[in-house]
Amino acid sequence: MLHRRNFLLLVSVLYLTGLISCVGPLFSLLQYSGLATGAVYRSHEIFQKLWTDIEADNSSSIQLSSVWIYKRKLKEQKPCSFGTTASTKDSSGANLYLIVDANGGLNQQRSSICNAVVIAALLNATLLIPRLEFHNAWRDSSEFGDIYDEDHFMSTLKDYIEVVKELPTELMERYDSNISNIQNLRVQAWAPPRYYLEEVYPVLFKQRVVRISPFANRLSMHLPSHLQFLRCFSNYEALKFSLAISELAKKLVKRMIERSSNYGGKYISVHLRFEEDMVAFSCCSYDGGQVEKSEMDVVREKGWGKKFKQKYRVIAPGLNRKNGKCPMTPVEDRLA
């Protein structure tokens, strides 16, 4: 009888412990519903209170000048290291082709392109100029050649991998001239080189061509030195902006220098990244009330489908703001 009583007591304790463990996080989210300090966006109210003082403050020019006087030691820019065994192109892979769909934002696409070069070299395959996936949130239909110099990309990498703009006609005919008909491999995130050799290469060798989509974050950050060199080389040497973008950038820089004549042509460029997709993805609330929430729900649905409606997903705007995970608004940047 005593053993049974002890057993029931133990079961009760374990049950209560489990209940507290499950309910605890829920209460921690609820307490940030708007009552906790720092959980609600109030920067616009603070700005209004301080605006008179900001307008009356004439010390901004002195403060800005002091920024240029402060001497910081710049980090030395070093060329990509070849490591111990830099790989060169092996002509035996001319009949194997790799296709990747670079998804996500521009930075993710850039990273994916560099990783695609590494994978092509690893698998001894010819790389088709990476395709930039159209995203419903950004609705940008730009292709590789609209952003980067294709010819420069191909010629810079010629000693390491073969890069082509189109697949051979006989290979395309096998798939009714539609790349979407080519077998798509779903690769795990942050996959090591070994994964590609063991899982992807056998399919590539059999089919002669494979497509990997999505491709963002599909290669480990930790690579052997010769593969890391290729990733670095692709990023800093092979990727060069297209002529149209380069010319526009030169005009912008020239204009900024001319309009910063009071400071010797020195200027600071800031990209706030306070854009519709970024705000929606952050799941933060600002001062737009229910209208803002409804609009951001639509953006999340359009850009990421059911990602934010899955059972395990808890959206807690107050907690996000308390933890400093909300994008700065132009007002907050002005205050800073």
Protein backbone atom coordinates (compact mmCIF):
# COMPACT_ATOMS: atom_id res chain seq x y z
CA MET A 1 0.00 0.00 0.00
CA LEU A 2 2.85 2.36 0.89
CA HIS A 3 4.63 1.63 -2.41
CA ARG A 4 1.45 2.39 -4.33
CA ARG A 5 1.00 5.71 -2.49
CA ASN A 6 4.59 6.69 -3.27
CA PHE A 7 4.08 5.73 -6.92
CA LEU A 8 0.94 7.89 -7.21
CA LEU A 9 2.76 10.79 -5.54
CA LEU A 10 5.63 10.50 -8.03
CA VAL A 11 3.21 10.43 -10.97
CA SER A 12 1.44 13.55 -9.64
CA VAL A 13 4.73 15.43 -9.27
CA LEU A 14 5.81 14.49 -12.80
CA TYR A 15 2.42 15.58 -14.19
CA LEU A 16 2.60 18.98 -12.48
CA THR A 17 6.19 19.46 -13.64
CA GLY A 18 5.20 18.73 -17.23
CA LEU A 19 2.18 21.03 -17.01
CA ILE A 20 4.30 23.91 -15.70
CA SER A 21 6.89 23.31 -18.42
CA CYS A 22 4.23 23.58 -21.13
CA VAL A 23 2.22 26.46 -19.67
CA GLY A 24 5.24 28.48 -18.53
CA PRO A 25 6.32 29.61 -22.01
CA LEU A 26 2.71 30.54 -22.81
CA PHE A 27 2.51 32.86 -19.79
CA SER A 28 5.88 34.35 -20.72
CA LEU A 29 4.43 35.25 -24.13
CA LEU A 30 1.21 36.63 -22.69
CA GLN A 31 3.02 38.98 -20.36
CA TYR A 32 4.48 40.74 -23.41
CA SER A 33 1.06 41.37 -24.94
CA GLY A 34 1.65 45.10 -24.54
CA LEU A 35 2.19 45.71 -20.83
CA ALA A 36 5.90 45.00 -20.52
CA THR A 37 8.34 47.90 -20.87
CA GLY A 38 9.73 48.05 -24.38
CA ALA A 39 7.12 45.69 -25.82
CA VAL A 40 5.12 48.42 -27.58
CA TYR A 41 6.28 50.74 -30.38
CA ARG A 42 6.29 54.29 -29.00
CA SER A 43 9.18 55.87 -30.91
CA HIS A 44 6.84 58.11 -32.93
CA GLU A 45 5.45 59.57 -29.68
CA ILE A 46 8.94 60.20 -28.30
CA PHE A 47 9.94 61.86 -31.58
CA GLN A 48 7.02 64.28 -31.37
CA LYS A 49 7.98 65.24 -27.81
CA LEU A 50 11.62 65.81 -28.74
CA TRP A 51 11.09 67.49 -32.11
CA THR A 52 11.21 71.05 -30.73
CA ASP A 53 14.53 70.34 -29.00
CA ILE A 54 15.91 68.64 -32.10
CA GLU A 55 15.10 71.67 -34.26
CA ALA A 56 16.72 74.01 -31.74
CA ASP A 57 19.92 71.95 -31.48
CA ASN A 58 22.67 73.48 -33.64
CA SER A 59 25.44 71.12 -32.51
CA SER A 60 24.77 68.45 -35.14
CA SER A 61 27.39 69.82 -37.55
CA ILE A 62 30.06 69.69 -34.85
CA GLN A 63 29.12 66.14 -33.91
CA LEU A 64 29.17 65.04 -37.55
CA SER A 65 32.59 66.59 -38.12
CA SER A 66 33.98 64.66 -35.16
CA VAL A 67 33.04 61.40 -36.88
CA TRP A 68 35.58 62.04 -39.64
CA ILE A 69 38.29 63.12 -37.20
CA TYR A 70 38.14 59.86 -35.25
CA LYS A 71 40.79 57.54 -36.61
CA ARG A 72 39.83 53.89 -36.73
CA LYS A 73 42.24 51.21 -37.82
CA LEU A 74 40.83 49.68 -40.97
CA LYS A 75 40.82 45.92 -41.31
CA GLU A 76 43.26 44.72 -43.92
CA GLN A 77 41.57 43.28 -46.99
CA LYS A 78 43.31 40.06 -47.88
CA PRO A 79 42.95 38.17 -51.18
CA CYS A 80 41.22 34.79 -51.19
CA SER A 81 43.60 32.13 -49.94
CA PHE A 82 44.25 29.18 -52.23
CA GLY A 83 44.85 26.92 -49.26
CA THR A 84 46.90 23.80 -49.82
CA THR A 85 45.15 22.29 -52.84
CA ALA A 86 43.40 24.70 -55.17
CA SER A 87 41.28 22.75 -57.64
CA THR A 88 41.43 23.28 -61.39
CA LYS A 89 38.89 22.25 -64.00
CA ASP A 90 38.67 18.59 -64.99
CA SER A 91 37.42 18.21 -68.58
CA SER A 92 35.95 14.77 -67.81
CA GLY A 93 32.85 16.43 -66.33
CA ALA A 94 31.82 18.13 -69.58
CA ASN A 95 28.79 15.84 -69.99
CA LEU A 96 27.31 16.45 -66.53
CA TYR A 97 25.22 19.55 -65.84
CA LEU A 98 24.11 21.25 -62.64
CA ILE A 99 21.13 23.62 -62.43
CA VAL A 100 20.32 25.62 -59.30
CA ASP A 101 17.44 27.97 -58.52
CA ALA A 102 18.78 30.77 -56.31
CA ASN A 103 15.88 31.73 -54.06
CA GLY A 104 15.36 34.35 -51.37
CA GLY A 105 16.52 37.96 -51.40
CA LEU A 106 19.48 39.33 -53.36
CA ASN A 107 21.98 38.51 -50.61
CA GLN A 108 20.77 34.91 -50.36
CA GLN A 109 20.91 34.63 -54.14
CA ARG A 110 24.49 35.92 -54.17
CA SER A 111 25.47 33.35 -51.56
CA SER A 112 23.67 30.60 -53.50
CA ILE A 113 25.54 31.46 -56.69
CA CYS A 114 28.89 31.17 -54.92
CA ASN A 115 27.84 27.83 -53.42
CA ALA A 116 26.72 26.60 -56.84
CA VAL A 117 30.25 27.15 -58.16
CA VAL A 118 31.62 25.06 -55.31
CA ILE A 119 29.15 22.22 -55.89
CA ALA A 120 29.82 22.21 -59.64
CA ALA A 121 33.55 21.88 -58.97
CA LEU A 122 32.96 19.22 -56.32
CA LEU A 123 30.78 17.11 -58.64
CA ASN A 124 32.95 17.86 -61.68
CA ALA A 125 29.90 19.21 -63.51
CA THR A 126 29.21 22.07 -65.89
CA LEU A 127 27.18 24.83 -64.24
CA LEU A 128 24.23 26.40 -66.02
CA ILE A 129 24.08 30.14 -65.30
CA PRO A 130 22.10 30.15 -62.01
CA ARG A 131 18.42 31.00 -62.27
CA LEU A 132 17.02 33.65 -59.90
CA GLU A 133 13.72 32.50 -58.47
CA PHE A 134 10.75 34.86 -58.73
CA HIS A 135 9.38 35.64 -55.25
CA ASN A 136 5.83 36.80 -54.59
CA ALA A 137 6.93 39.23 -51.88
CA TRP A 138 9.48 41.17 -53.95
CA ARG A 139 7.96 40.46 -57.37
CA ASP A 140 11.33 41.04 -59.03
CA SER A 141 11.64 39.33 -62.40
CA SER A 142 15.35 40.13 -62.82
CA GLU A 143 17.53 37.40 -64.28
CA PHE A 144 21.23 36.73 -63.64
CA GLY A 145 22.33 38.93 -66.56
CA ASP A 146 20.24 41.87 -65.32
CA ILE A 147 22.22 42.02 -62.09
CA TYR A 148 25.61 40.46 -62.84
CA ASP A 149 27.98 40.46 -65.81
CA GLU A 150 27.48 36.97 -67.28
CA ASP A 151 30.54 37.01 -69.56
CA HIS A 152 32.81 38.16 -66.74
CA PHE A 153 31.41 35.43 -64.48
CA MET A 154 32.05 32.73 -67.07
CA SER A 155 35.53 33.87 -68.09
CA THR A 156 36.74 34.42 -64.52
CA LEU A 157 35.81 30.86 -63.53
CA LYS A 158 37.04 29.16 -66.73
CA ASP A 159 40.09 27.65 -65.01
CA TYR A 160 37.94 26.04 -62.30
CA ILE A 161 34.57 25.08 -63.77
CA GLU A 162 32.70 25.26 -67.06
CA VAL A 163 29.77 27.70 -67.06
CA VAL A 164 27.20 27.77 -69.87
CA LYS A 165 24.15 29.88 -70.65
CA GLU A 166 22.13 27.03 -72.14
CA LEU A 167 21.97 23.25 -71.93
CA PRO A 168 22.86 21.20 -75.02
CA THR A 169 19.96 20.86 -77.47
CA GLU A 170 19.89 17.06 -77.29
CA LEU A 171 19.63 17.21 -73.51
CA MET A 172 16.83 19.78 -73.59
CA GLU A 173 14.91 17.70 -76.13
CA ARG A 174 14.89 14.81 -73.70
CA TYR A 175 12.89 17.03 -71.31
CA ASP A 176 10.63 18.63 -73.96
CA SER A 177 12.73 21.83 -73.85
CA ASN A 178 11.42 22.57 -70.36
CA ILE A 179 13.89 22.79 -67.48
CA SER A 180 11.04 22.27 -65.02
CA ASN A 181 10.76 18.68 -66.28
CA ILE A 182 14.30 17.91 -65.11
CA GLN A 183 14.42 15.95 -61.85
CA ASN A 184 14.56 18.30 -58.88
CA LEU A 185 16.54 17.17 -55.85
CA ARG A 186 15.57 18.41 -52.40
CA VAL A 187 18.83 18.95 -50.57
CA GLN A 188 19.02 19.33 -46.79
CA ALA A 189 20.04 22.72 -45.39
CA TRP A 190 23.74 23.30 -44.66
CA ALA A 191 24.66 19.99 -46.30
CA PRO A 192 28.37 19.02 -46.11
CA PRO A 193 30.36 18.17 -49.28
CA ARG A 194 30.07 14.47 -48.42
CA TYR A 195 26.28 14.68 -48.82
CA TYR A 196 26.60 15.91 -52.40
CA LEU A 197 29.09 13.19 -53.28
CA GLU A 198 26.98 10.42 -51.76
CA GLU A 199 23.42 11.58 -52.51
CA VAL A 200 23.55 13.95 -55.47
CA TYR A 201 26.39 12.65 -57.61
CA PRO A 202 24.88 9.16 -58.25
CA VAL A 203 21.71 10.79 -59.61
CA LEU A 204 23.73 13.29 -61.63
CA PHE A 205 25.90 10.55 -63.12
CA LYS A 206 22.82 8.57 -64.15
CA GLN A 207 20.68 11.44 -65.46
CA ARG A 208 23.52 13.69 -66.74
CA VAL A 209 21.66 16.70 -65.33
CA VAL A 210 20.06 17.57 -62.00
CA ARG A 211 18.24 20.60 -60.67
CA ILE A 212 18.39 21.75 -57.06
CA SER A 213 15.59 24.00 -55.88
CA PRO A 214 15.45 25.73 -53.47
CA PHE A 215 19.18 26.30 -53.10
CA ALA A 216 19.50 28.96 -50.39
CA ASN A 217 21.65 27.79 -47.46
CA ARG A 218 22.20 24.37 -49.01
CA LEU A 219 25.95 24.15 -48.37
CA SER A 220 27.80 23.96 -45.07
CA MET A 221 29.73 26.99 -43.86
CA HIS A 222 32.66 24.73 -43.03
CA LEU A 223 34.53 23.57 -46.12
CA PRO A 224 38.01 22.26 -46.98
CA SER A 225 40.37 25.09 -47.92
CA HIS A 226 40.30 24.46 -51.68
CA LEU A 227 36.49 24.61 -51.75
CA GLN A 228 36.39 27.64 -49.48
CA PHE A 229 38.76 29.36 -51.91
CA LEU A 230 36.30 28.81 -54.75
CA ARG A 231 33.46 30.28 -52.69
CA CYS A 232 35.59 33.30 -51.85
CA PHE A 233 36.88 33.67 -55.41
CA SER A 234 33.36 33.53 -56.83
CA ASN A 235 32.13 36.19 -54.43
CA TYR A 236 34.96 38.71 -54.79
CA GLU A 237 36.22 38.09 -58.31
CA ALA A 238 33.64 36.32 -60.49
CA LEU A 239 30.55 38.27 -59.43
CA LYS A 240 30.61 41.72 -60.98
CA PHE A 241 27.57 43.96 -61.34
CA SER A 242 26.12 44.45 -64.80
CA LEU A 243 27.06 47.59 -66.74
CA ALA A 244 23.68 49.22 -66.12
CA ILE A 245 23.95 48.80 -62.35
CA SER A 246 27.62 49.84 -62.28
CA GLU A 247 26.89 53.04 -64.20
CA LEU A 248 23.97 53.91 -61.93
CA ALA A 249 26.13 53.29 -58.84
CA LYS A 250 28.82 55.64 -60.17
CA LYS A 251 26.23 58.37 -60.70
CA LEU A 252 24.90 57.95 -57.16
CA VAL A 253 28.39 58.10 -55.63
CA LYS A 254 29.26 61.18 -57.70
CA ARG A 255 26.07 62.89 -56.58
CA MET A 256 26.66 62.04 -52.91
CA ILE A 257 30.23 63.39 -53.05
CA GLU A 258 29.06 66.63 -54.67
CA ARG A 259 26.35 67.13 -52.05
CA SER A 260 28.77 66.42 -49.19
CA SER A 261 31.19 69.20 -50.13
CA ASN A 262 30.95 70.72 -46.64
CA TYR A 263 32.55 67.55 -45.29
CA GLY A 264 35.22 67.04 -47.91
CA GLY A 265 33.04 64.76 -50.01
CA LYS A 266 32.64 62.26 -47.19
CA TYR A 267 29.24 60.68 -46.63
CA ILE A 268 27.53 57.76 -44.92
CA SER A 269 25.17 55.44 -46.79
CA VAL A 270 22.53 53.63 -44.74
CA HIS A 271 20.05 51.03 -45.97
CA LEU A 272 17.37 50.82 -43.28
CA ARG A 273 15.83 47.68 -44.81
CA PHE A 274 12.50 48.94 -43.47
CA GLU A 275 10.48 47.42 -46.27
CA GLU A 276 7.14 45.66 -46.46
CA ASP A 277 8.54 42.14 -46.72
CA MET A 278 11.07 42.66 -43.91
CA VAL A 279 8.46 44.10 -41.56
CA ALA A 280 6.06 41.27 -42.36
CA PHE A 281 8.71 38.60 -41.83
CA SER A 282 9.79 40.09 -38.49
CA CYS A 283 6.22 39.69 -37.09
CA CYS A 284 6.54 43.02 -35.26
CA SER A 285 3.80 45.56 -34.62
CA TYR A 286 4.17 49.31 -35.10
CA ASP A 287 1.61 52.10 -34.88
CA GLY A 288 -0.79 50.98 -37.61
CA GLY A 289 -3.21 49.04 -35.43
CA GLN A 290 -5.53 46.41 -36.88
CA VAL A 291 -5.16 47.76 -40.43
CA GLU A 292 -1.40 47.21 -40.27
CA LYS A 293 -1.86 43.70 -38.87
CA SER A 294 -4.29 42.74 -41.64
CA GLU A 295 -1.97 44.08 -44.34
CA MET A 296 1.06 42.24 -42.92
CA ASP A 297 -0.96 39.01 -42.68
CA VAL A 298 -1.69 39.32 -46.40
CA VAL A 299 2.00 39.94 -47.21
CA ARG A 300 3.05 36.90 -45.15
CA GLU A 301 0.44 34.73 -46.83
CA LYS A 302 1.45 35.90 -50.31
CA GLY A 303 5.20 35.62 -49.75
CA TRP A 304 5.55 32.58 -47.51
CA GLY A 305 2.28 30.67 -47.77
CA LYS A 306 1.32 28.83 -44.56
CA LYS A 307 4.77 29.23 -42.96
CA PHE A 308 3.49 31.60 -40.28
CA LYS A 309 0.29 29.62 -39.62
CA GLN A 310 1.87 26.32 -38.67
CA LYS A 311 0.93 24.91 -35.26
CA TYR A 312 4.37 25.31 -33.73
CA ARG A 313 4.65 28.95 -34.86
CA VAL A 314 3.88 31.49 -32.12
CA ILE A 315 3.72 35.12 -33.23
CA ALA A 316 4.49 37.43 -30.31
CA PRO A 317 5.12 41.01 -31.52
CA GLY A 318 5.69 42.33 -28.00
CA LEU A 319 8.29 39.69 -27.20
CA ASN A 320 10.02 40.31 -30.53
CA ARG A 321 10.30 44.01 -29.75
CA LYS A 322 11.45 43.36 -26.20
CA ASN A 323 14.23 41.13 -27.57
CA GLY A 324 15.36 43.76 -30.07
CA LYS A 325 14.28 41.82 -33.18
CA CYS A 326 12.20 44.53 -34.85
CA PRO A 327 13.55 46.52 -37.83
CA MET A 328 14.27 50.18 -37.05
CA THR A 329 11.87 52.69 -38.54
CA PRO A 330 13.06 55.90 -40.23
CA VAL A 331 11.87 57.74 -37.11
CA GLU A 332 14.05 55.59 -34.84
CA ASP A 333 17.01 56.07 -37.16
CA ARG A 334 16.50 59.84 -36.97
CA LEU A 335 16.46 59.66 -33.18
CA ALA A 336 19.65 57.59 -33.15
